[in-house]
Amino acid sequence: MSMPYSTLYLEAEDGNLVERCPHVKRVGYAEGYLFIQAESGNYWFAVQEDKGWNSLDPAAALLLNGPLTFTELRQAMLRLGVGEVEYQFP
């Protein structure tokens, strides 16, 4: 609570937490995709494909698409067939 930002983690099957994206401002979910607005830009990934690998692993880094500008994120959402995203985390 005392930090000016939050970090998005994924809970792996073994119970360990894996850092996915630091300095998160807002997170939204739609059509099986997670959309993240962070200090460094916008990101998205397919939830089903994220298996909780170490975020330093190049294979895992490919799952997190970004950083993107807002325009690039909107274009990705159109390609993915995602309508409006309601962000859950202000």
Protein backbone atom coordinates (compact mmCIF):
# COMPACT_ATOMS: atom_id res chain seq x y z
CA MET A 1 0.00 0.00 0.00
CA SER A 2 2.82 2.43 0.66
CA MET A 3 4.40 1.95 -2.78
CA PRO A 4 3.34 4.28 -5.63
CA TYR A 5 2.86 1.33 -8.00
CA SER A 6 1.86 -2.32 -8.08
CA THR A 7 3.38 -5.39 -9.72
CA LEU A 8 1.35 -8.00 -11.58
CA TYR A 9 2.24 -11.55 -10.52
CA LEU A 10 1.05 -14.93 -11.70
CA GLU A 11 0.58 -17.71 -9.17
CA ALA A 12 2.24 -20.81 -10.61
CA GLU A 13 0.86 -24.31 -10.07
CA ASP A 14 3.49 -24.92 -7.36
CA GLY A 15 2.24 -21.86 -5.44
CA ASN A 16 5.22 -19.63 -6.27
CA LEU A 17 4.61 -16.13 -7.53
CA VAL A 18 6.16 -15.13 -10.85
CA GLU A 19 6.55 -11.45 -11.70
CA ARG A 20 4.79 -10.64 -14.99
CA CYS A 21 4.82 -6.83 -15.20
CA PRO A 22 6.10 -4.15 -12.78
CA HIS A 23 4.75 -0.63 -12.20
CA VAL A 24 1.17 -1.50 -13.17
CA LYS A 25 -1.43 1.26 -13.26
CA ARG A 26 -4.51 -0.64 -14.54
CA VAL A 27 -5.44 -4.18 -15.59
CA GLY A 28 -8.37 -5.37 -17.67
CA TYR A 29 -9.56 -8.75 -18.91
CA ALA A 30 -11.61 -9.49 -22.04
CA GLU A 31 -12.08 -12.43 -24.41
CA GLY A 32 -9.29 -14.49 -22.78
CA TYR A 33 -6.71 -11.70 -22.88
CA LEU A 34 -5.20 -9.61 -20.11
CA PHE A 35 -4.53 -5.95 -20.92
CA ILE A 36 -2.10 -4.00 -18.77
CA GLN A 37 -1.40 -0.28 -18.56
CA ALA A 38 1.97 0.17 -16.89
CA GLU A 39 4.41 2.98 -16.37
CA SER A 40 6.52 1.69 -19.29
CA GLY A 41 3.59 1.36 -21.74
CA ASN A 42 0.72 -0.98 -22.61
CA TYR A 43 0.91 -4.79 -22.69
CA TRP A 44 -1.33 -7.74 -23.46
CA PHE A 45 -1.11 -11.52 -23.33
CA ALA A 46 -3.33 -14.54 -23.85
CA VAL A 47 -4.09 -15.84 -20.36
CA GLN A 48 -4.37 -19.45 -21.52
CA GLU A 49 -0.83 -19.39 -22.94
CA ASP A 50 0.81 -18.01 -19.78
CA LYS A 51 2.08 -21.03 -17.87
CA GLY A 52 3.98 -19.14 -15.17
CA TRP A 53 7.46 -19.47 -16.58
CA ASN A 54 10.19 -17.29 -15.19
CA SER A 55 9.74 -13.82 -16.70
CA LEU A 56 13.50 -13.68 -17.42
CA ASP A 57 13.14 -16.68 -19.74
CA PRO A 58 13.04 -15.47 -23.39
CA ALA A 59 10.16 -17.88 -24.15
CA ALA A 60 8.07 -16.29 -21.40
CA ALA A 61 9.02 -12.78 -22.44
CA LEU A 62 7.47 -13.44 -25.85
CA LEU A 63 4.08 -14.08 -24.23
CA LEU A 64 3.92 -10.52 -22.87
CA ASN A 65 3.36 -8.29 -25.90
CA GLY A 66 4.64 -4.76 -25.41
CA PRO A 67 5.41 -2.14 -24.48
CA LEU A 68 2.93 -0.64 -26.92
CA THR A 69 1.60 2.86 -27.39
CA PHE A 70 -2.13 3.32 -26.83
CA THR A 71 -2.69 3.32 -30.61
CA GLU A 72 -0.69 0.10 -31.04
CA LEU A 73 -2.69 -1.51 -28.23
CA ARG A 74 -6.00 -0.53 -29.89
CA GLN A 75 -4.77 -2.01 -33.19
CA ALA A 76 -3.84 -5.26 -31.42
CA MET A 77 -7.27 -5.37 -29.78
CA LEU A 78 -8.93 -5.01 -33.19
CA ARG A 79 -6.79 -7.85 -34.62
CA LEU A 80 -7.68 -10.02 -31.61
CA GLY A 81 -11.39 -9.26 -32.00
CA VAL A 82 -11.65 -7.70 -28.55
CA GLY A 83 -14.15 -4.93 -27.98
CA GLU A 84 -13.98 -2.53 -25.08
CA VAL A 85 -12.00 -3.58 -22.02
CA GLU A 86 -13.25 -2.66 -18.58
CA TYR A 87 -10.19 -2.06 -16.45
CA GLN A 88 -10.58 -3.65 -13.04
CA PHE A 89 -7.62 -2.16 -11.21
CA PRO A 90 -7.38 1.62 -10.97
